């Protein structure tokens, strides 16, 4: 699934490359490849993105955007976004 498709489904704001293929959504510490989407909607997880293999992420709106990502999605309501991600990757 393309990052842009995920952003649209979550009604989020896409920043960066929306053509990136994503195969699964994971905690930043569990990312094993560049095709993993890091779920970093809690600000405490932002620092974990620095060492993550993920090149894409979902972030809460209003927080700092970490460096090193090729694309990310900003969401207004992280809990609703998490429910949407679960449906998309079921």
PDB file of N, CA and C in Angstrom:
ATOM      1  N   UNK A   1       0.855  -1.159   0.000  1.00  0.00           N
ATOM      2  CA  UNK A   1       0.000   0.000   0.000  1.00  0.00           C
ATOM      3  C   UNK A   1       0.914   1.239   0.000  1.00  0.00           C
ATOM      4  N   UNK A   2       0.538   2.227  -0.745  1.00  0.00           N
ATOM      5  CA  UNK A   2       1.313   3.472  -0.841  1.00  0.00           C
ATOM      6  C   UNK A   2       1.062   4.356   0.392  1.00  0.00           C
ATOM      7  N   UNK A   3       2.078   5.098   0.776  1.00  0.00           N
ATOM      8  CA  UNK A   3       1.950   6.014   1.904  1.00  0.00           C
ATOM      9  C   UNK A   3       0.831   7.018   1.657  1.00  0.00           C
ATOM     10  N   UNK A   4       0.679   7.465   0.427  1.00  0.00           N
ATOM     11  CA  UNK A   4      -0.384   8.419   0.093  1.00  0.00           C
ATOM     12  C   UNK A   4      -1.774   7.819   0.302  1.00  0.00           C
ATOM     13  N   UNK A   5      -1.932   6.530   0.036  1.00  0.00           N
ATOM     14  CA  UNK A   5      -3.220   5.856   0.246  1.00  0.00           C
ATOM     15  C   UNK A   5      -3.544   5.769   1.733  1.00  0.00           C
ATOM     16  N   UNK A   6      -2.530   5.526   2.534  1.00  0.00           N
ATOM     17  CA  UNK A   6      -2.728   5.454   3.981  1.00  0.00           C
ATOM     18  C   UNK A   6      -3.123   6.830   4.510  1.00  0.00           C
ATOM     19  N   UNK A   7      -2.437   7.868   4.059  1.00  0.00           N
ATOM     20  CA  UNK A   7      -2.749   9.230   4.492  1.00  0.00           C
ATOM     21  C   UNK A   7      -4.193   9.585   4.155  1.00  0.00           C
ATOM     22  N   UNK A   8      -4.624   9.234   2.968  1.00  0.00           N
ATOM     23  CA  UNK A   8      -6.000   9.535   2.555  1.00  0.00           C
ATOM     24  C   UNK A   8      -7.002   8.777   3.422  1.00  0.00           C
ATOM     25  N   UNK A   9      -6.740   7.498   3.667  1.00  0.00           N
ATOM     26  CA  UNK A   9      -7.650   6.685   4.477  1.00  0.00           C
ATOM     27  C   UNK A   9      -7.757   7.191   5.911  1.00  0.00           C
ATOM     28  N   UNK A  10      -6.677   7.771   6.413  1.00  0.00           N
ATOM     29  CA  UNK A  10      -6.663   8.279   7.788  1.00  0.00           C
ATOM     30  C   UNK A  10      -7.042   9.749   7.874  1.00  0.00           C
ATOM     31  N   UNK A  11      -7.291  10.373   6.730  1.00  0.00           N
ATOM     32  CA  UNK A  11      -7.576  11.807   6.665  1.00  0.00           C
ATOM     33  C   UNK A  11      -6.435  12.595   7.306  1.00  0.00           C
ATOM     34  N   UNK A  12      -5.206  12.145   7.003  1.00  0.00           N
ATOM     35  CA  UNK A  12      -4.017  12.796   7.548  1.00  0.00           C
ATOM     36  C   UNK A  12      -3.321  13.637   6.499  1.00  0.00           C
ATOM     37  N   UNK A  13      -2.376  14.422   6.951  1.00  0.00           N
ATOM     38  CA  UNK A  13      -1.596  15.275   6.051  1.00  0.00           C
ATOM     39  C   UNK A  13      -0.306  14.562   5.672  1.00  0.00           C
ATOM     40  N   UNK A  14      -0.131  14.321   4.392  1.00  0.00           N
ATOM     41  CA  UNK A  14       1.073  13.669   3.892  1.00  0.00           C
ATOM     42  C   UNK A  14       2.191  14.689   3.718  1.00  0.00           C
ATOM     43  N   UNK A  15       3.359  14.353   4.240  1.00  0.00           N
ATOM     44  CA  UNK A  15       4.544  15.182   4.077  1.00  0.00           C
ATOM     45  C   UNK A  15       5.623  14.287   3.487  1.00  0.00           C
ATOM     46  N   UNK A  16       6.174  14.687   2.350  1.00  0.00           N
ATOM     47  CA  UNK A  16       7.230  13.896   1.730  1.00  0.00           C
ATOM     48  C   UNK A  16       6.721  13.016   0.605  1.00  0.00           C
ATOM     49  N   UNK A  17       7.399  11.912   0.401  1.00  0.00           N
ATOM     50  CA  UNK A  17       7.160  11.018  -0.729  1.00  0.00           C
ATOM     51  C   UNK A  17       5.991  10.071  -0.470  1.00  0.00           C
ATOM     52  N   UNK A  18       4.875  10.323  -1.108  1.00  0.00           N
ATOM     53  CA  UNK A  18       3.684   9.493  -0.949  1.00  0.00           C
ATOM     54  C   UNK A  18       3.700   8.225  -1.763  1.00  0.00           C
ATOM     55  N   UNK A  19       4.689   8.051  -2.634  1.00  0.00           N
ATOM     56  CA  UNK A  19       4.741   6.857  -3.486  1.00  0.00           C
ATOM     57  C   UNK A  19       5.443   5.674  -2.820  1.00  0.00           C
ATOM     58  N   UNK A  20       5.909   5.855  -1.605  1.00  0.00           N
ATOM     59  CA  UNK A  20       6.619   4.793  -0.893  1.00  0.00           C
ATOM     60  C   UNK A  20       5.664   3.647  -0.583  1.00  0.00           C
ATOM     61  N   UNK A  21       6.104   2.423  -0.861  1.00  0.00           N
ATOM     62  CA  UNK A  21       5.315   1.236  -0.534  1.00  0.00           C
ATOM     63  C   UNK A  21       5.519   0.860   0.927  1.00  0.00           C
ATOM     64  N   UNK A  22       4.409   0.616   1.608  1.00  0.00           N
ATOM     65  CA  UNK A  22       4.424   0.222   3.012  1.00  0.00           C
ATOM     66  C   UNK A  22       3.821  -1.168   3.116  1.00  0.00           C
ATOM     67  N   UNK A  23       4.472  -2.054   3.852  1.00  0.00           N
ATOM     68  CA  UNK A  23       3.956  -3.419   3.984  1.00  0.00           C
ATOM     69  C   UNK A  23       3.340  -3.701   5.349  1.00  0.00           C
ATOM     70  N   UNK A  24       3.784  -2.966   6.371  1.00  0.00           N
ATOM     71  CA  UNK A  24       3.192  -3.176   7.694  1.00  0.00           C
ATOM     72  C   UNK A  24       3.451  -1.961   8.583  1.00  0.00           C
ATOM     73  N   UNK A  25       2.623  -1.847   9.622  1.00  0.00           N
ATOM     74  CA  UNK A  25       2.754  -0.768  10.596  1.00  0.00           C
ATOM     75  C   UNK A  25       3.283  -1.359  11.891  1.00  0.00           C
ATOM     76  N   UNK A  26       4.320  -0.711  12.466  1.00  0.00           N
ATOM     77  CA  UNK A  26       4.983  -1.269  13.646  1.00  0.00           C
ATOM     78  C   UNK A  26       5.417  -0.174  14.617  1.00  0.00           C
ATOM     79  N   UNK A  27       5.737  -0.571  15.830  1.00  0.00           N
ATOM     80  CA  UNK A  27       6.387   0.293  16.800  1.00  0.00           C
ATOM     81  C   UNK A  27       7.752   0.655  16.215  1.00  0.00           C
ATOM     82  N   UNK A  28       8.235   1.878  16.399  1.00  0.00           N
ATOM     83  CA  UNK A  28       9.526   2.256  15.798  1.00  0.00           C
ATOM     84  C   UNK A  28      10.672   1.301  16.129  1.00  0.00           C
ATOM     85  N   UNK A  29      10.688   0.740  17.322  1.00  0.00           N
ATOM     86  CA  UNK A  29      11.764  -0.171  17.714  1.00  0.00           C
ATOM     87  C   UNK A  29      11.671  -1.524  17.019  1.00  0.00           C
ATOM     88  N   UNK A  30      10.511  -1.847  16.447  1.00  0.00           N
ATOM     89  CA  UNK A  30      10.311  -3.138  15.800  1.00  0.00           C
ATOM     90  C   UNK A  30      10.462  -3.078  14.283  1.00  0.00           C
ATOM     91  N   UNK A  31      10.769  -1.929  13.744  1.00  0.00           N
ATOM     92  CA  UNK A  31      10.924  -1.792  12.290  1.00  0.00           C
ATOM     93  C   UNK A  31      12.126  -2.614  11.829  1.00  0.00           C
ATOM     94  N   UNK A  32      11.893  -3.433  10.813  1.00  0.00           N
ATOM     95  CA  UNK A  32      12.939  -4.303  10.287  1.00  0.00           C
ATOM     96  C   UNK A  32      13.363  -3.943   8.876  1.00  0.00           C
ATOM     97  N   UNK A  33      12.585  -3.089   8.220  1.00  0.00           N
ATOM     98  CA  UNK A  33      12.930  -2.719   6.843  1.00  0.00           C
ATOM     99  C   UNK A  33      12.394  -1.332   6.520  1.00  0.00           C
ATOM    100  N   UNK A  34      12.825  -0.821   5.379  1.00  0.00           N
ATOM    101  CA  UNK A  34      12.371   0.494   4.936  1.00  0.00           C
ATOM    102  C   UNK A  34      10.901   0.479   4.528  1.00  0.00           C
ATOM    103  N   UNK A  35      10.321  -0.705   4.398  1.00  0.00           N
ATOM    104  CA  UNK A  35       8.904  -0.827   4.036  1.00  0.00           C
ATOM    105  C   UNK A  35       7.993  -0.809   5.262  1.00  0.00           C
ATOM    106  N   UNK A  36       8.563  -0.694   6.449  1.00  0.00           N
ATOM    107  CA  UNK A  36       7.768  -0.622   7.669  1.00  0.00           C
ATOM    108  C   UNK A  36       7.362   0.825   7.954  1.00  0.00           C
ATOM    109  N   UNK A  37       6.140   0.994   8.417  1.00  0.00           N
ATOM    110  CA  UNK A  37       5.593   2.294   8.799  1.00  0.00           C
ATOM    111  C   UNK A  37       5.650   2.392  10.317  1.00  0.00           C
ATOM    112  N   UNK A  38       6.436   3.309  10.833  1.00  0.00           N
ATOM    113  CA  UNK A  38       6.584   3.462  12.282  1.00  0.00           C
ATOM    114  C   UNK A  38       5.406   4.240  12.857  1.00  0.00           C
ATOM    115  N   UNK A  39       4.798   3.687  13.881  1.00  0.00           N
ATOM    116  CA  UNK A  39       3.698   4.357  14.564  1.00  0.00           C
ATOM    117  C   UNK A  39       4.275   5.135  15.737  1.00  0.00           C
ATOM    118  N   UNK A  40       4.493   6.411  15.528  1.00  0.00           N
ATOM    119  CA  UNK A  40       5.133   7.262  16.533  1.00  0.00           C
ATOM    120  C   UNK A  40       4.235   8.434  16.888  1.00  0.00           C
ATOM    121  N   UNK A  41       2.974   8.154  17.161  1.00  0.00           N
ATOM    122  CA  UNK A  41       2.017   9.213  17.454  1.00  0.00           C
ATOM    123  C   UNK A  41       2.152   9.741  18.869  1.00  0.00           C
ATOM    124  N   UNK A  42       2.815   9.001  19.729  1.00  0.00           N
ATOM    125  CA  UNK A  42       3.111   9.459  21.082  1.00  0.00           C
ATOM    126  C   UNK A  42       4.477  10.143  21.045  1.00  0.00           C
ATOM    127  N   UNK A  43       4.571  11.320  21.585  1.00  0.00           N
ATOM    128  CA  UNK A  43       5.830  12.084  21.499  1.00  0.00           C
ATOM    129  C   UNK A  43       7.017  11.359  22.112  1.00  0.00           C
ATOM    130  N   UNK A  44       6.763  10.470  23.063  1.00  0.00           N
ATOM    131  CA  UNK A  44       7.859   9.735  23.682  1.00  0.00           C
ATOM    132  C   UNK A  44       8.521   8.768  22.698  1.00  0.00           C
ATOM    133  N   UNK A  45       7.846   8.468  21.602  1.00  0.00           N
ATOM    134  CA  UNK A  45       8.403   7.547  20.603  1.00  0.00           C
ATOM    135  C   UNK A  45       9.222   8.254  19.530  1.00  0.00           C
ATOM    136  N   UNK A  46       9.178   9.569  19.485  1.00  0.00           N
ATOM    137  CA  UNK A  46       9.892  10.300  18.442  1.00  0.00           C
ATOM    138  C   UNK A  46      11.392  10.031  18.457  1.00  0.00           C
ATOM    139  N   UNK A  47      11.977   9.929  19.638  1.00  0.00           N
ATOM    140  CA  UNK A  47      13.414   9.689  19.708  1.00  0.00           C
ATOM    141  C   UNK A  47      13.792   8.302  19.189  1.00  0.00           C
ATOM    142  N   UNK A  48      12.857   7.369  19.226  1.00  0.00           N
ATOM    143  CA  UNK A  48      13.118   6.022  18.711  1.00  0.00           C
ATOM    144  C   UNK A  48      13.203   5.992  17.186  1.00  0.00           C
ATOM    145  N   UNK A  49      12.661   6.995  16.537  1.00  0.00           N
ATOM    146  CA  UNK A  49      12.721   7.042  15.075  1.00  0.00           C
ATOM    147  C   UNK A  49      14.149   7.231  14.567  1.00  0.00           C
ATOM    148  N   UNK A  50      14.972   7.892  15.356  1.00  0.00           N
ATOM    149  CA  UNK A  50      16.346   8.166  14.935  1.00  0.00           C
ATOM    150  C   UNK A  50      17.112   6.879  14.643  1.00  0.00           C
ATOM    151  N   UNK A  51      16.900   5.847  15.414  1.00  0.00           N
ATOM    152  CA  UNK A  51      17.612   4.596  15.197  1.00  0.00           C
ATOM    153  C   UNK A  51      16.803   3.542  14.481  1.00  0.00           C
ATOM    154  N   UNK A  52      15.639   3.909  14.010  1.00  0.00           N
ATOM    155  CA  UNK A  52      14.738   2.955  13.365  1.00  0.00           C
ATOM    156  C   UNK A  52      15.103   2.739  11.902  1.00  0.00           C
ATOM    157  N   UNK A  53      14.810   1.535  11.406  1.00  0.00           N
ATOM    158  CA  UNK A  53      15.011   1.246   9.979  1.00  0.00           C
ATOM    159  C   UNK A  53      13.866   1.792   9.133  1.00  0.00           C
ATOM    160  N   UNK A  54      12.761   2.158   9.776  1.00  0.00           N
ATOM    161  CA  UNK A  54      11.609   2.686   9.049  1.00  0.00           C
ATOM    162  C   UNK A  54      11.961   4.027   8.415  1.00  0.00           C
ATOM    163  N   UNK A  55      11.491   4.251   7.198  1.00  0.00           N
ATOM    164  CA  UNK A  55      11.713   5.516   6.496  1.00  0.00           C
ATOM    165  C   UNK A  55      10.430   6.333   6.423  1.00  0.00           C
ATOM    166  N   UNK A  56       9.332   5.766   6.966  1.00  0.00           N
ATOM    167  CA  UNK A  56       8.039   6.448   7.001  1.00  0.00           C
ATOM    168  C   UNK A  56       7.451   6.319   8.402  1.00  0.00           C
ATOM    169  N   UNK A  57       6.535   7.234   8.739  1.00  0.00           N
ATOM    170  CA  UNK A  57       5.937   7.204  10.072  1.00  0.00           C
ATOM    171  C   UNK A  57       4.587   7.900  10.073  1.00  0.00           C
ATOM    172  N   UNK A  58       3.832   7.613  11.116  1.00  0.00           N
ATOM    173  CA  UNK A  58       2.621   8.374  11.423  1.00  0.00           C
ATOM    174  C   UNK A  58       2.913   9.125  12.706  1.00  0.00           C
ATOM    175  N   UNK A  59       2.692  10.428  12.680  1.00  0.00           N
ATOM    176  CA  UNK A  59       3.000  11.307  13.799  1.00  0.00           C
ATOM    177  C   UNK A  59       1.771  12.118  14.180  1.00  0.00           C
ATOM    178  N   UNK A  60       1.709  12.520  15.435  1.00  0.00           N
ATOM    179  CA  UNK A  60       0.639  13.408  15.879  1.00  0.00           C
ATOM    180  C   UNK A  60       0.931  14.819  15.388  1.00  0.00           C
ATOM    181  N   UNK A  61      -0.102  15.496  14.933  1.00  0.00           N
ATOM    182  CA  UNK A  61       0.016  16.882  14.497  1.00  0.00           C
ATOM    183  C   UNK A  61       0.484  17.756  15.651  1.00  0.00           C
ATOM    184  N   UNK A  62       1.294  18.753  15.357  1.00  0.00           N
ATOM    185  CA  UNK A  62       1.719  19.709  16.364  1.00  0.00           C
ATOM    186  C   UNK A  62       3.037  19.386  17.028  1.00  0.00           C
ATOM    187  N   UNK A  63       3.552  18.200  16.780  1.00  0.00           N
ATOM    188  CA  UNK A  63       4.841  17.838  17.366  1.00  0.00           C
ATOM    189  C   UNK A  63       5.965  18.139  16.396  1.00  0.00           C
ATOM    190  N   UNK A  64       7.185  18.005  16.872  1.00  0.00           N
ATOM    191  CA  UNK A  64       8.329  18.233  15.981  1.00  0.00           C
ATOM    192  C   UNK A  64       8.453  17.103  14.961  1.00  0.00           C
ATOM    193  N   UNK A  65       8.828  17.452  13.763  1.00  0.00           N
ATOM    194  CA  UNK A  65       9.029  16.452  12.714  1.00  0.00           C
ATOM    195  C   UNK A  65      10.475  15.969  12.777  1.00  0.00           C
ATOM    196  N   UNK A  66      10.666  14.676  12.961  1.00  0.00           N
ATOM    197  CA  UNK A  66      12.027  14.159  13.042  1.00  0.00           C
ATOM    198  C   UNK A  66      12.726  14.169  11.681  1.00  0.00           C
ATOM    199  N   UNK A  67      14.034  14.233  11.721  1.00  0.00           N
ATOM    200  CA  UNK A  67      14.823  14.188  10.488  1.00  0.00           C
ATOM    201  C   UNK A  67      15.012  12.740  10.054  1.00  0.00           C
ATOM    202  N   UNK A  68      15.326  12.560   8.788  1.00  0.00           N
ATOM    203  CA  UNK A  68      15.684  11.244   8.284  1.00  0.00           C
ATOM    204  C   UNK A  68      14.548  10.431   7.714  1.00  0.00           C
ATOM    205  N   UNK A  69      13.317  10.939   7.773  1.00  0.00           N
ATOM    206  CA  UNK A  69      12.196  10.207   7.191  1.00  0.00           C
ATOM    207  C   UNK A  69      12.009  10.641   5.743  1.00  0.00           C
ATOM    208  N   UNK A  70      11.645   9.693   4.897  1.00  0.00           N
ATOM    209  CA  UNK A  70      11.366  10.011   3.501  1.00  0.00           C
ATOM    210  C   UNK A  70       9.939  10.514   3.314  1.00  0.00           C
ATOM    211  N   UNK A  71       9.075  10.143   4.243  1.00  0.00           N
ATOM    212  CA  UNK A  71       7.693  10.591   4.203  1.00  0.00           C
ATOM    213  C   UNK A  71       7.018  10.279   5.525  1.00  0.00           C
ATOM    214  N   UNK A  72       6.032  11.099   5.878  1.00  0.00           N
ATOM    215  CA  UNK A  72       5.280  10.820   7.094  1.00  0.00           C
ATOM    216  C   UNK A  72       3.881  11.409   6.972  1.00  0.00           C
ATOM    217  N   UNK A  73       3.026  10.926   7.860  1.00  0.00           N
ATOM    218  CA  UNK A  73       1.634  11.355   7.890  1.00  0.00           C
ATOM    219  C   UNK A  73       1.382  12.021   9.235  1.00  0.00           C
ATOM    220  N   UNK A  74       0.814  13.209   9.200  1.00  0.00           N
ATOM    221  CA  UNK A  74       0.419  13.912  10.412  1.00  0.00           C
ATOM    222  C   UNK A  74      -1.071  13.697  10.643  1.00  0.00           C
ATOM    223  N   UNK A  75      -1.430  13.273  11.847  1.00  0.00           N
ATOM    224  CA  UNK A  75      -2.837  13.034  12.174  1.00  0.00           C
ATOM    225  C   UNK A  75      -3.258  13.912  13.340  1.00  0.00           C
ATOM    226  N   UNK A  76      -4.513  14.327  13.324  1.00  0.00           N
ATOM    227  CA  UNK A  76      -5.056  15.180  14.386  1.00  0.00           C
ATOM    228  C   UNK A  76      -5.433  14.372  15.619  1.00  0.00           C
ATOM    229  N   UNK A  77      -5.960  13.180  15.392  1.00  0.00           N
ATOM    230  CA  UNK A  77      -6.473  12.362  16.491  1.00  0.00           C
ATOM    231  C   UNK A  77      -5.791  10.992  16.463  1.00  0.00           C
ATOM    232  N   UNK A  78      -4.691  10.854  17.184  1.00  0.00           N
ATOM    233  CA  UNK A  78      -3.908   9.625  17.144  1.00  0.00           C
ATOM    234  C   UNK A  78      -4.678   8.345  17.459  1.00  0.00           C
ATOM    235  N   UNK A  79      -5.577   8.380  18.412  1.00  0.00           N
ATOM    236  CA  UNK A  79      -6.320   7.151  18.758  1.00  0.00           C
ATOM    237  C   UNK A  79      -7.214   6.701  17.607  1.00  0.00           C
ATOM    238  N   UNK A  80      -7.840   7.637  16.936  1.00  0.00           N
ATOM    239  CA  UNK A  80      -8.657   7.280  15.775  1.00  0.00           C
ATOM    240  C   UNK A  80      -7.766   6.789  14.641  1.00  0.00           C
ATOM    241  N   UNK A  81      -6.612   7.412  14.486  1.00  0.00           N
ATOM    242  CA  UNK A  81      -5.679   6.982  13.451  1.00  0.00           C
ATOM    243  C   UNK A  81      -5.209   5.555  13.713  1.00  0.00           C
ATOM    244  N   UNK A  82      -4.956   5.219  14.975  1.00  0.00           N
ATOM    245  CA  UNK A  82      -4.526   3.871  15.316  1.00  0.00           C
ATOM    246  C   UNK A  82      -5.595   2.848  14.938  1.00  0.00           C
ATOM    247  N   UNK A  83      -6.837   3.184  15.190  1.00  0.00           N
ATOM    248  CA  UNK A  83      -7.932   2.292  14.802  1.00  0.00           C
ATOM    249  C   UNK A  83      -7.979   2.141  13.285  1.00  0.00           C
ATOM    250  N   UNK A  84      -7.764   3.230  12.559  1.00  0.00           N
ATOM    251  CA  UNK A  84      -7.755   3.177  11.101  1.00  0.00           C
ATOM    252  C   UNK A  84      -6.596   2.355  10.563  1.00  0.00           C
ATOM    253  N   UNK A  85      -5.443   2.481  11.168  1.00  0.00           N
ATOM    254  CA  UNK A  85      -4.269   1.694  10.752  1.00  0.00           C
ATOM    255  C   UNK A  85      -4.546   0.217  10.968  1.00  0.00           C
ATOM    256  N   UNK A  86      -5.150  -0.118  12.082  1.00  0.00           N
ATOM    257  CA  UNK A  86      -5.473  -1.517  12.375  1.00  0.00           C
ATOM    258  C   UNK A  86      -6.397  -2.089  11.307  1.00  0.00           C
ATOM    259  N   UNK A  87      -7.389  -1.318  10.900  1.00  0.00           N
ATOM    260  CA  UNK A  87      -8.300  -1.778   9.845  1.00  0.00           C
ATOM    261  C   UNK A  87      -7.574  -1.933   8.511  1.00  0.00           C
ATOM    262  N   UNK A  88      -6.702  -0.995   8.185  1.00  0.00           N
ATOM    263  CA  UNK A  88      -6.008  -1.039   6.908  1.00  0.00           C
ATOM    264  C   UNK A  88      -5.071  -2.237   6.778  1.00  0.00           C
ATOM    265  N   UNK A  89      -4.447  -2.629   7.858  1.00  0.00           N
ATOM    266  CA  UNK A  89      -3.459  -3.693   7.809  1.00  0.00           C
ATOM    267  C   UNK A  89      -3.969  -5.033   8.324  1.00  0.00           C
ATOM    268  N   UNK A  90      -5.280  -5.143   8.523  1.00  0.00           N
ATOM    269  CA  UNK A  90      -5.868  -6.431   8.915  1.00  0.00           C
ATOM    270  C   UNK A  90      -5.815  -7.429   7.794  1.00  0.00           C
TER     271      UNK A  90
END
